[in-house]
Amino acid sequence: MTESGTVDWFAAGDEGERGRLYAYRIRGRDRGGVLLWIGGVGDARDRVLTLPGVAGHRRVPVFRTAGQARRYADRRGWPLAHPEAGTLELVRVQHWLADPARRRVPAGAVLDAWNFFEDLARGLPAASGPRQTAVHDRAYEKLFGDACDTWTAEERGAVQELLTAGVELWNSCPVSVKPRASAVRITGSVGR
């Protein structure tokens, strides 16, 4: 399949100044790779970079290495904010989800995964996950404060549901593996 059309950094709806671009490595049980992540500026929210796909569905460009992602971005004039890729150890989250009663919550990995899943869903407007409620908000605040051990049973269940849906989204979202470098036109620019 050939990529065509124009990449709009905020095609999913957020308007505003374009953010900085980062390479981000995901290490999961079933799927892994390096993707490009856009940091939001001002009121714009962070999101995973996606490309136009078939029938209006968007795809996530995924690379084997940070170098491939960097070269892809460089060819488009998109400077990466850092030359190295950040890493989400999704495997740690998946191990915890497999047996949450016997394993300690890997707080840092869970926080990173939660944020990643929100940014991934934002880049894939057709994606849906569990609707976040006040229970999720309370659980997130405790997670952010490294107080997971104070989660109520309801909060723990909400986190597990959200992360399970996020893992499913990541494992099933449409991807473009090592997308062609010459097929995408760009509008606008990435903030420097």
N, C-alpha and C. Protein backbone atom coordinates (compact mmCIF):
# COMPACT_ATOMS: atom_id res chain seq x y z
N MET A 1 0.84 -1.17 0.00
CA MET A 1 0.00 0.00 0.00
C MET A 1 0.89 1.23 0.00
N THR A 2 0.57 2.19 -0.84
CA THR A 2 1.35 3.41 -0.93
C THR A 2 0.74 4.49 -0.07
N GLU A 3 1.58 5.22 0.64
CA GLU A 3 1.11 6.34 1.44
C GLU A 3 0.91 7.52 0.51
N SER A 4 -0.17 8.22 0.68
CA SER A 4 -0.38 9.41 -0.12
C SER A 4 -1.14 10.41 0.72
N GLY A 5 -1.26 11.59 0.21
CA GLY A 5 -1.99 12.62 0.94
C GLY A 5 -1.05 13.49 1.74
N THR A 6 -1.61 14.19 2.68
CA THR A 6 -0.86 15.15 3.46
C THR A 6 -0.94 14.77 4.92
N VAL A 7 0.19 14.82 5.60
CA VAL A 7 0.18 14.58 7.04
C VAL A 7 -0.14 15.90 7.72
N ASP A 8 -1.18 15.90 8.51
CA ASP A 8 -1.55 17.06 9.31
C ASP A 8 -1.26 16.69 10.76
N TRP A 9 -0.33 17.39 11.36
CA TRP A 9 0.12 17.04 12.71
C TRP A 9 -1.03 16.92 13.70
N PHE A 10 -2.07 17.72 13.53
CA PHE A 10 -3.17 17.69 14.49
C PHE A 10 -4.47 17.32 13.80
N ALA A 11 -4.41 16.33 12.92
CA ALA A 11 -5.57 15.91 12.13
C ALA A 11 -6.71 15.39 13.00
N ALA A 12 -6.42 14.92 14.18
CA ALA A 12 -7.46 14.34 15.03
C ALA A 12 -8.27 15.40 15.77
N GLY A 13 -7.97 16.67 15.58
CA GLY A 13 -8.86 17.66 16.16
C GLY A 13 -8.22 18.76 16.98
N ASP A 14 -7.09 18.53 17.61
CA ASP A 14 -6.48 19.60 18.39
C ASP A 14 -5.87 20.62 17.44
N GLU A 15 -6.11 21.86 17.71
CA GLU A 15 -5.55 22.92 16.90
C GLU A 15 -4.44 23.58 17.71
N GLY A 16 -3.58 24.28 17.04
CA GLY A 16 -2.57 25.03 17.77
C GLY A 16 -1.19 24.79 17.23
N GLU A 17 -0.23 25.33 17.92
CA GLU A 17 1.16 25.23 17.50
C GLU A 17 1.61 23.78 17.51
N ARG A 18 2.43 23.44 16.55
CA ARG A 18 2.91 22.08 16.45
C ARG A 18 4.00 21.84 17.49
N GLY A 19 4.01 20.64 18.04
CA GLY A 19 4.94 20.33 19.11
C GLY A 19 6.23 19.72 18.61
N ARG A 20 7.06 19.35 19.55
CA ARG A 20 8.34 18.73 19.24
C ARG A 20 8.12 17.25 19.00
N LEU A 21 8.97 16.67 18.19
CA LEU A 21 8.84 15.28 17.80
C LEU A 21 9.88 14.44 18.52
N TYR A 22 9.44 13.27 19.00
CA TYR A 22 10.30 12.36 19.75
C TYR A 22 10.17 10.95 19.18
N ALA A 23 11.24 10.19 19.24
CA ALA A 23 11.17 8.76 18.95
C ALA A 23 10.86 8.06 20.27
N TYR A 24 9.99 7.06 20.22
CA TYR A 24 9.54 6.39 21.44
C TYR A 24 9.47 4.89 21.18
N ARG A 25 10.24 4.12 21.93
CA ARG A 25 10.30 2.67 21.76
C ARG A 25 9.29 2.00 22.68
N ILE A 26 8.50 1.10 22.10
CA ILE A 26 7.53 0.32 22.88
C ILE A 26 8.02 -1.12 22.88
N ARG A 27 8.18 -1.70 24.06
CA ARG A 27 8.58 -3.10 24.20
C ARG A 27 7.44 -3.86 24.85
N GLY A 28 6.63 -4.52 24.01
CA GLY A 28 5.50 -5.29 24.51
C GLY A 28 5.68 -6.76 24.19
N ARG A 29 4.86 -7.60 24.79
CA ARG A 29 4.91 -9.05 24.54
C ARG A 29 4.60 -9.38 23.08
N ASP A 30 3.53 -8.78 22.57
CA ASP A 30 3.04 -9.15 21.25
C ASP A 30 3.47 -8.20 20.14
N ARG A 31 3.77 -6.97 20.47
CA ARG A 31 4.13 -5.98 19.46
C ARG A 31 5.11 -5.01 20.08
N GLY A 32 6.08 -4.65 19.29
CA GLY A 32 7.06 -3.68 19.73
C GLY A 32 7.57 -2.89 18.54
N GLY A 33 8.29 -1.85 18.81
CA GLY A 33 8.86 -1.04 17.76
C GLY A 33 9.04 0.39 18.23
N VAL A 34 9.54 1.20 17.32
CA VAL A 34 9.76 2.61 17.60
C VAL A 34 8.74 3.41 16.81
N LEU A 35 8.10 4.34 17.46
CA LEU A 35 7.14 5.21 16.78
C LEU A 35 7.54 6.66 17.03
N LEU A 36 6.82 7.56 16.42
CA LEU A 36 7.08 8.98 16.60
C LEU A 36 5.95 9.58 17.42
N TRP A 37 6.32 10.39 18.37
CA TRP A 37 5.39 10.96 19.32
C TRP A 37 5.53 12.48 19.26
N ILE A 38 4.41 13.18 19.26
CA ILE A 38 4.38 14.64 19.16
C ILE A 38 4.00 15.21 20.52
N GLY A 39 4.90 16.00 21.09
CA GLY A 39 4.60 16.67 22.35
C GLY A 39 3.72 17.89 22.08
N GLY A 40 2.63 18.02 22.80
CA GLY A 40 1.72 19.14 22.60
C GLY A 40 2.32 20.44 23.11
N VAL A 41 1.89 21.54 22.53
CA VAL A 41 2.33 22.87 22.93
C VAL A 41 1.10 23.67 23.30
N GLY A 42 1.17 24.41 24.38
CA GLY A 42 0.02 25.20 24.79
C GLY A 42 -1.15 24.30 25.15
N ASP A 43 -2.30 24.55 24.54
CA ASP A 43 -3.49 23.74 24.80
C ASP A 43 -3.53 22.45 23.98
N ALA A 44 -2.62 22.33 23.02
CA ALA A 44 -2.59 21.11 22.20
C ALA A 44 -2.11 19.95 23.07
N ARG A 45 -2.70 18.78 22.86
CA ARG A 45 -2.36 17.61 23.67
C ARG A 45 -1.35 16.74 22.94
N ASP A 46 -0.57 15.99 23.71
CA ASP A 46 0.38 15.04 23.13
C ASP A 46 -0.38 14.01 22.31
N ARG A 47 0.32 13.44 21.31
CA ARG A 47 -0.29 12.38 20.52
C ARG A 47 0.79 11.60 19.79
N VAL A 48 0.45 10.38 19.45
CA VAL A 48 1.30 9.55 18.62
C VAL A 48 1.07 9.97 17.18
N LEU A 49 2.14 10.10 16.41
CA LEU A 49 2.03 10.46 15.00
C LEU A 49 1.34 9.33 14.24
N THR A 50 0.34 9.68 13.45
CA THR A 50 -0.34 8.72 12.60
C THR A 50 -0.38 9.26 11.18
N LEU A 51 -0.57 8.35 10.24
CA LEU A 51 -0.63 8.69 8.83
C LEU A 51 -2.00 8.33 8.28
N PRO A 52 -2.41 9.03 7.21
CA PRO A 52 -3.69 8.66 6.59
C PRO A 52 -3.65 7.21 6.13
N GLY A 53 -4.77 6.53 6.24
CA GLY A 53 -4.86 5.14 5.81
C GLY A 53 -6.06 4.93 4.91
N VAL A 54 -6.49 3.73 4.81
CA VAL A 54 -7.61 3.35 3.97
C VAL A 54 -8.92 3.76 4.63
N ALA A 55 -9.85 4.28 3.85
CA ALA A 55 -11.20 4.63 4.30
C ALA A 55 -11.18 5.58 5.50
N GLY A 56 -10.23 6.49 5.53
CA GLY A 56 -10.18 7.48 6.60
C GLY A 56 -9.58 7.01 7.91
N HIS A 57 -9.23 5.72 8.00
CA HIS A 57 -8.60 5.21 9.21
C HIS A 57 -7.12 5.58 9.19
N ARG A 58 -6.59 5.92 10.33
CA ARG A 58 -5.19 6.33 10.42
C ARG A 58 -4.33 5.14 10.83
N ARG A 59 -3.04 5.21 10.48
CA ARG A 59 -2.08 4.15 10.79
C ARG A 59 -0.90 4.76 11.54
N VAL A 60 -0.31 3.95 12.39
CA VAL A 60 0.87 4.37 13.15
C VAL A 60 2.12 3.89 12.40
N PRO A 61 3.00 4.81 12.00
CA PRO A 61 4.25 4.35 11.41
C PRO A 61 5.14 3.76 12.51
N VAL A 62 5.63 2.54 12.29
CA VAL A 62 6.44 1.84 13.29
C VAL A 62 7.76 1.43 12.65
N PHE A 63 8.85 1.62 13.38
CA PHE A 63 10.20 1.34 12.89
C PHE A 63 10.88 0.33 13.80
N ARG A 64 11.86 -0.37 13.27
CA ARG A 64 12.62 -1.32 14.11
C ARG A 64 13.59 -0.61 15.03
N THR A 65 14.18 0.48 14.55
CA THR A 65 15.20 1.16 15.34
C THR A 65 14.90 2.65 15.42
N ALA A 66 15.50 3.29 16.42
CA ALA A 66 15.38 4.74 16.54
C ALA A 66 16.05 5.42 15.36
N GLY A 67 17.12 4.82 14.84
CA GLY A 67 17.80 5.38 13.68
C GLY A 67 16.90 5.44 12.46
N GLN A 68 16.11 4.38 12.24
CA GLN A 68 15.16 4.39 11.11
C GLN A 68 14.12 5.48 11.30
N ALA A 69 13.61 5.62 12.51
CA ALA A 69 12.61 6.66 12.79
C ALA A 69 13.23 8.04 12.59
N ARG A 70 14.45 8.23 13.04
CA ARG A 70 15.14 9.51 12.89
C ARG A 70 15.34 9.85 11.42
N ARG A 71 15.79 8.86 10.61
CA ARG A 71 15.99 9.10 9.18
C ARG A 71 14.67 9.44 8.49
N TYR A 72 13.62 8.76 8.86
CA TYR A 72 12.29 9.02 8.31
C TYR A 72 11.89 10.48 8.59
N ALA A 73 12.07 10.90 9.84
CA ALA A 73 11.73 12.27 10.21
C ALA A 73 12.66 13.28 9.52
N ASP A 74 13.94 12.98 9.47
CA ASP A 74 14.90 13.89 8.85
C ASP A 74 14.56 14.14 7.38
N ARG A 75 14.15 13.11 6.67
CA ARG A 75 13.82 13.26 5.25
C ARG A 75 12.64 14.20 5.04
N ARG A 76 11.85 14.39 6.06
CA ARG A 76 10.70 15.28 5.98
C ARG A 76 10.99 16.66 6.58
N GLY A 77 12.19 16.84 7.09
CA GLY A 77 12.52 18.10 7.73
C GLY A 77 11.93 18.24 9.11
N TRP A 78 11.66 17.10 9.76
CA TRP A 78 11.11 17.10 11.10
C TRP A 78 12.24 16.79 12.08
N PRO A 79 12.82 17.76 12.72
CA PRO A 79 13.90 17.46 13.66
C PRO A 79 13.37 16.78 14.93
N LEU A 80 14.07 15.75 15.37
CA LEU A 80 13.71 15.12 16.63
C LEU A 80 14.25 15.97 17.77
N ALA A 81 13.50 16.05 18.84
CA ALA A 81 13.91 16.84 20.00
C ALA A 81 15.13 16.23 20.69
N HIS A 82 15.25 14.88 20.64
CA HIS A 82 16.38 14.17 21.22
C HIS A 82 16.80 13.08 20.25
N PRO A 83 18.10 12.82 20.12
CA PRO A 83 18.53 11.79 19.16
C PRO A 83 18.19 10.37 19.59
N GLU A 84 18.02 10.13 20.87
CA GLU A 84 17.73 8.78 21.37
C GLU A 84 16.24 8.62 21.62
N ALA A 85 15.80 7.39 21.60
CA ALA A 85 14.38 7.09 21.85
C ALA A 85 14.14 6.85 23.33
N GLY A 86 13.04 7.39 23.84
CA GLY A 86 12.57 7.01 25.16
C GLY A 86 11.99 5.60 25.05
N THR A 87 11.80 4.92 26.18
CA THR A 87 11.32 3.53 26.14
C THR A 87 10.18 3.31 27.12
N LEU A 88 9.15 2.61 26.63
CA LEU A 88 8.07 2.14 27.48
C LEU A 88 8.22 0.63 27.57
N GLU A 89 8.48 0.13 28.77
CA GLU A 89 8.58 -1.32 29.01
C GLU A 89 7.18 -1.87 29.26
N LEU A 90 6.41 -1.99 28.18
CA LEU A 90 5.05 -2.46 28.27
C LEU A 90 4.97 -3.89 28.80
N VAL A 91 6.00 -4.67 28.57
CA VAL A 91 6.05 -6.04 29.09
C VAL A 91 5.84 -6.05 30.60
N ARG A 92 6.43 -5.10 31.32
CA ARG A 92 6.27 -5.04 32.78
C ARG A 92 4.80 -4.84 33.16
N VAL A 93 4.11 -3.99 32.41
CA VAL A 93 2.69 -3.75 32.65
C VAL A 93 1.89 -5.02 32.34
N GLN A 94 2.23 -5.68 31.24
CA GLN A 94 1.53 -6.89 30.85
C GLN A 94 1.74 -8.01 31.88
N HIS A 95 2.94 -8.11 32.44
CA HIS A 95 3.18 -9.11 33.50
C HIS A 95 2.31 -8.81 34.71
N TRP A 96 2.23 -7.56 35.09
CA TRP A 96 1.39 -7.19 36.23
C TRP A 96 -0.07 -7.49 35.94
N LEU A 97 -0.55 -7.14 34.74
CA LEU A 97 -1.95 -7.40 34.39
C LEU A 97 -2.27 -8.89 34.40
N ALA A 98 -1.28 -9.73 34.09
CA ALA A 98 -1.50 -11.18 34.07
C ALA A 98 -1.76 -11.74 35.46
N ASP A 99 -1.24 -11.09 36.50
CA ASP A 99 -1.43 -11.59 37.87
C ASP A 99 -1.30 -10.43 38.87
N PRO A 100 -2.26 -9.49 38.85
CA PRO A 100 -2.14 -8.30 39.69
C PRO A 100 -2.20 -8.57 41.18
N ALA A 101 -2.79 -9.69 41.58
CA ALA A 101 -2.89 -10.00 43.00
C ALA A 101 -1.54 -10.42 43.58
N ARG A 102 -0.68 -10.98 42.75
CA ARG A 102 0.61 -11.49 43.25
C ARG A 102 1.80 -10.60 42.91
N ARG A 103 1.58 -9.62 42.05
CA ARG A 103 2.70 -8.78 41.62
C ARG A 103 2.50 -7.35 42.10
N ARG A 104 3.61 -6.73 42.40
CA ARG A 104 3.60 -5.32 42.80
C ARG A 104 3.39 -4.47 41.55
N VAL A 105 2.62 -3.40 41.69
CA VAL A 105 2.35 -2.49 40.58
C VAL A 105 3.66 -1.83 40.16
N PRO A 106 4.06 -1.98 38.88
CA PRO A 106 5.25 -1.27 38.40
C PRO A 106 4.84 0.18 38.07
N ALA A 107 4.81 1.01 39.09
CA ALA A 107 4.20 2.35 39.00
C ALA A 107 4.72 3.17 37.82
N GLY A 108 6.01 3.25 37.64
CA GLY A 108 6.56 4.06 36.54
C GLY A 108 6.11 3.55 35.18
N ALA A 109 6.16 2.25 34.98
CA ALA A 109 5.73 1.67 33.71
C ALA A 109 4.23 1.83 33.51
N VAL A 110 3.45 1.69 34.57
CA VAL A 110 2.00 1.86 34.47
C VAL A 110 1.67 3.31 34.10
N LEU A 111 2.33 4.27 34.73
CA LEU A 111 2.10 5.68 34.42
C LEU A 111 2.47 5.96 32.96
N ASP A 112 3.62 5.47 32.52
CA ASP A 112 4.04 5.66 31.13
C ASP A 112 3.04 5.01 30.16
N ALA A 113 2.57 3.81 30.49
CA ALA A 113 1.62 3.11 29.63
C ALA A 113 0.30 3.87 29.56
N TRP A 114 -0.20 4.32 30.69
CA TRP A 114 -1.46 5.05 30.73
C TRP A 114 -1.36 6.27 29.81
N ASN A 115 -0.29 7.05 29.96
CA ASN A 115 -0.11 8.23 29.13
C ASN A 115 0.03 7.86 27.65
N PHE A 116 0.79 6.80 27.37
CA PHE A 116 0.97 6.35 25.99
C PHE A 116 -0.37 5.96 25.37
N PHE A 117 -1.18 5.21 26.09
CA PHE A 117 -2.46 4.76 25.54
C PHE A 117 -3.38 5.94 25.24
N GLU A 118 -3.38 6.95 26.10
CA GLU A 118 -4.18 8.15 25.82
C GLU A 118 -3.67 8.85 24.57
N ASP A 119 -2.34 8.98 24.43
CA ASP A 119 -1.76 9.64 23.26
C ASP A 119 -1.98 8.83 21.99
N LEU A 120 -1.94 7.51 22.10
CA LEU A 120 -2.20 6.64 20.96
C LEU A 120 -3.66 6.79 20.51
N ALA A 121 -4.59 6.75 21.44
CA ALA A 121 -6.00 6.91 21.09
C ALA A 121 -6.27 8.28 20.47
N ARG A 122 -5.57 9.30 20.94
CA ARG A 122 -5.74 10.64 20.40
C ARG A 122 -5.30 10.70 18.93
N GLY A 123 -4.28 9.93 18.58
CA GLY A 123 -3.80 9.89 17.20
C GLY A 123 -4.67 9.01 16.30
N LEU A 124 -5.49 8.16 16.90
CA LEU A 124 -6.36 7.25 16.16
C LEU A 124 -7.81 7.59 16.51
N PRO A 125 -8.39 8.59 15.86
CA PRO A 125 -9.71 9.05 16.26
C PRO A 125 -10.79 7.97 16.25
N ALA A 126 -10.63 6.93 15.46
CA ALA A 126 -11.63 5.86 15.42
C ALA A 126 -11.50 4.92 16.62
N ALA A 127 -10.42 5.05 17.38
CA ALA A 127 -10.18 4.16 18.52
C ALA A 127 -11.08 4.54 19.69
N SER A 128 -11.42 3.54 20.46
CA SER A 128 -12.18 3.82 21.67
C SER A 128 -11.65 2.94 22.78
N GLY A 129 -11.74 3.43 23.96
CA GLY A 129 -11.32 2.68 25.14
C GLY A 129 -12.34 2.94 26.23
N PRO A 130 -12.05 2.49 27.42
CA PRO A 130 -13.00 2.74 28.49
C PRO A 130 -13.12 4.24 28.77
N ARG A 131 -14.31 4.67 28.99
CA ARG A 131 -14.54 6.07 29.34
C ARG A 131 -13.96 6.31 30.72
N GLN A 132 -13.15 7.35 30.83
CA GLN A 132 -12.53 7.63 32.12
C GLN A 132 -13.47 8.43 33.01
N THR A 133 -13.51 8.03 34.26
CA THR A 133 -14.43 8.62 35.23
C THR A 133 -13.63 9.23 36.39
N ALA A 134 -14.34 9.69 37.38
CA ALA A 134 -13.70 10.23 38.58
C ALA A 134 -12.86 9.15 39.28
N VAL A 135 -13.26 7.90 39.18
CA VAL A 135 -12.47 6.80 39.76
C VAL A 135 -11.10 6.74 39.09
N HIS A 136 -11.08 6.86 37.77
CA HIS A 136 -9.81 6.87 37.05
C HIS A 136 -8.96 8.07 37.48
N ASP A 137 -9.60 9.22 37.61
CA ASP A 137 -8.87 10.43 38.02
C ASP A 137 -8.20 10.23 39.38
N ARG A 138 -8.94 9.66 40.33
CA ARG A 138 -8.36 9.42 41.66
C ARG A 138 -7.20 8.43 41.58
N ALA A 139 -7.40 7.37 40.81
CA ALA A 139 -6.34 6.36 40.66
C ALA A 139 -5.11 6.97 40.00
N TYR A 140 -5.32 7.82 39.00
CA TYR A 140 -4.19 8.44 38.31
C TYR A 140 -3.41 9.36 39.26
N GLU A 141 -4.13 10.14 40.06
CA GLU A 141 -3.46 11.03 41.02
C GLU A 141 -2.60 10.23 42.00
N LYS A 142 -3.13 9.11 42.47
CA LYS A 142 -2.35 8.27 43.38
C LYS A 142 -1.16 7.65 42.65
N LEU A 143 -1.37 7.23 41.42
CA LEU A 143 -0.27 6.67 40.61
C LEU A 143 0.80 7.72 40.39
N PHE A 144 0.40 8.92 40.03
CA PHE A 144 1.34 10.01 39.78
C PHE A 144 2.11 10.34 41.05
N GLY A 145 1.47 10.20 42.20
CA GLY A 145 2.12 10.46 43.49
C GLY A 145 2.82 9.24 44.06
N ASP A 146 2.96 8.18 43.26
CA ASP A 146 3.61 6.93 43.66
C ASP A 146 2.96 6.34 44.90
N ALA A 147 1.61 6.37 44.91
CA ALA A 147 0.87 5.83 46.04
C ALA A 147 -0.13 4.77 45.57
N CYS A 148 0.30 3.91 44.66
CA CYS A 148 -0.57 2.84 44.14
C CYS A 148 -1.05 1.92 45.24
N ASP A 149 -0.24 1.78 46.28
CA ASP A 149 -0.62 0.88 47.37
C ASP A 149 -1.85 1.38 48.13
N THR A 150 -2.28 2.61 47.86
CA THR A 150 -3.49 3.13 48.51
C THR A 150 -4.71 3.08 47.59
N TRP A 151 -4.58 2.47 46.40
CA TRP A 151 -5.74 2.32 45.52
C TRP A 151 -6.82 1.52 46.22
N THR A 152 -8.05 1.93 46.03
CA THR A 152 -9.18 1.12 46.48
C THR A 152 -9.37 -0.02 45.47
N ALA A 153 -10.19 -0.99 45.81
CA ALA A 153 -10.47 -2.09 44.88
C ALA A 153 -11.09 -1.54 43.60
N GLU A 154 -11.95 -0.54 43.73
CA GLU A 154 -12.59 0.07 42.56
C GLU A 154 -11.56 0.77 41.68
N GLU A 155 -10.63 1.49 42.29
CA GLU A 155 -9.59 2.19 41.52
C GLU A 155 -8.68 1.18 40.83
N ARG A 156 -8.27 0.15 41.54
CA ARG A 156 -7.40 -0.88 40.96
C ARG A 156 -8.09 -1.53 39.76
N GLY A 157 -9.37 -1.85 39.91
CA GLY A 157 -10.12 -2.46 38.82
C GLY A 157 -10.23 -1.53 37.61
N ALA A 158 -10.43 -0.23 37.86
CA ALA A 158 -10.52 0.74 36.78
C ALA A 158 -9.20 0.85 36.03
N VAL A 159 -8.10 0.84 36.76
CA VAL A 159 -6.77 0.90 36.14
C VAL A 159 -6.53 -0.35 35.31
N GLN A 160 -6.85 -1.50 35.85
CA GLN A 160 -6.65 -2.75 35.11
C GLN A 160 -7.48 -2.77 33.83
N GLU A 161 -8.73 -2.30 33.91
CA GLU A 161 -9.59 -2.25 32.72
C GLU A 161 -9.01 -1.31 31.67
N LEU A 162 -8.58 -0.13 32.11
CA LEU A 162 -8.03 0.85 31.18
C LEU A 162 -6.76 0.33 30.52
N LEU A 163 -5.85 -0.25 31.30
CA LEU A 163 -4.60 -0.75 30.75
C LEU A 163 -4.82 -1.95 29.83
N THR A 164 -5.75 -2.82 30.18
CA THR A 164 -6.07 -3.96 29.32
C THR A 164 -6.59 -3.47 27.97
N ALA A 165 -7.48 -2.47 28.00
CA ALA A 165 -7.99 -1.90 26.75
C ALA A 165 -6.87 -1.21 25.97
N GLY A 166 -5.96 -0.56 26.67
CA GLY A 166 -4.84 0.10 26.01
C GLY A 166 -3.91 -0.88 25.33
N VAL A 167 -3.61 -1.99 26.01
CA VAL A 167 -2.76 -3.02 25.42
C VAL A 167 -3.44 -3.58 24.16
N GLU A 168 -4.73 -3.81 24.24
CA GLU A 168 -5.48 -4.31 23.08
C GLU A 168 -5.44 -3.30 21.93
N LEU A 169 -5.60 -2.02 22.26
CA LEU A 169 -5.52 -0.97 21.23
C LEU A 169 -4.15 -1.01 20.55
N TRP A 170 -3.09 -1.04 21.33
CA TRP A 170 -1.74 -1.07 20.77
C TRP A 170 -1.53 -2.33 19.92
N ASN A 171 -1.97 -3.47 20.39
CA ASN A 171 -1.75 -4.71 19.66
C ASN A 171 -2.60 -4.82 18.39
N SER A 172 -3.68 -4.05 18.30
CA SER A 172 -4.57 -4.19 17.16
C SER A 172 -4.63 -2.96 16.26
N CYS A 173 -4.02 -1.86 16.64
CA CYS A 173 -4.13 -0.65 15.82
C CYS A 173 -3.42 -0.85 14.49
N PRO A 174 -3.93 -0.22 13.43
CA PRO A 174 -3.28 -0.35 12.13
C PRO A 174 -1.91 0.33 12.16
N VAL A 175 -0.93 -0.36 11.62
CA VAL A 175 0.42 0.18 11.57
C VAL A 175 0.95 0.15 10.15
N SER A 176 1.94 0.96 9.93
CA SER A 176 2.69 0.95 8.69
C SER A 176 4.13 0.70 9.11
N VAL A 177 4.63 -0.51 8.84
CA VAL A 177 5.97 -0.88 9.28
C VAL A 177 6.99 -0.29 8.32
N LYS A 178 7.90 0.48 8.89
CA LYS A 178 8.94 1.16 8.12
C LYS A 178 8.36 1.80 6.86
N PRO A 179 7.52 2.81 7.04
CA PRO A 179 6.86 3.44 5.89
C PRO A 179 7.86 4.03 4.90
N ARG A 180 7.44 4.08 3.65
CA ARG A 180 8.31 4.61 2.60
C ARG A 180 8.61 6.07 2.87
N ALA A 181 9.82 6.46 2.59
CA ALA A 181 10.27 7.81 2.89
C ALA A 181 9.78 8.85 1.91
N SER A 182 9.45 8.49 0.70
CA SER A 182 9.16 9.50 -0.31
C SER A 182 7.69 9.71 -0.57
N ALA A 183 6.80 9.03 0.11
CA ALA A 183 5.40 9.04 -0.28
C ALA A 183 4.51 10.01 0.48
N VAL A 184 5.02 10.71 1.48
CA VAL A 184 4.16 11.57 2.30
C VAL A 184 4.56 13.02 2.11
N ARG A 185 3.59 13.88 1.82
CA ARG A 185 3.83 15.32 1.75
C ARG A 185 3.50 15.92 3.10
N ILE A 186 4.15 17.01 3.42
CA ILE A 186 4.00 17.62 4.73
C ILE A 186 3.38 19.02 4.60
N THR A 187 2.51 19.35 5.54
CA THR A 187 2.05 20.73 5.66
C THR A 187 2.53 21.22 7.01
N GLY A 188 2.88 22.47 7.08
CA GLY A 188 3.33 23.02 8.34
C GLY A 188 4.72 22.53 8.69
N SER A 189 5.12 22.82 9.92
CA SER A 189 6.43 22.39 10.36
C SER A 189 6.37 22.03 11.83
N VAL A 190 7.35 21.31 12.25
CA VAL A 190 7.45 20.94 13.66
C VAL A 190 8.19 22.05 14.37
N GLY A 191 7.74 22.40 15.57
CA GLY A 191 8.43 23.43 16.36
C GLY A 191 9.87 23.03 16.62
N ARG A 192 10.74 23.99 16.59
CA ARG A 192 12.17 23.71 16.79
C ARG A 192 12.60 24.10 18.16
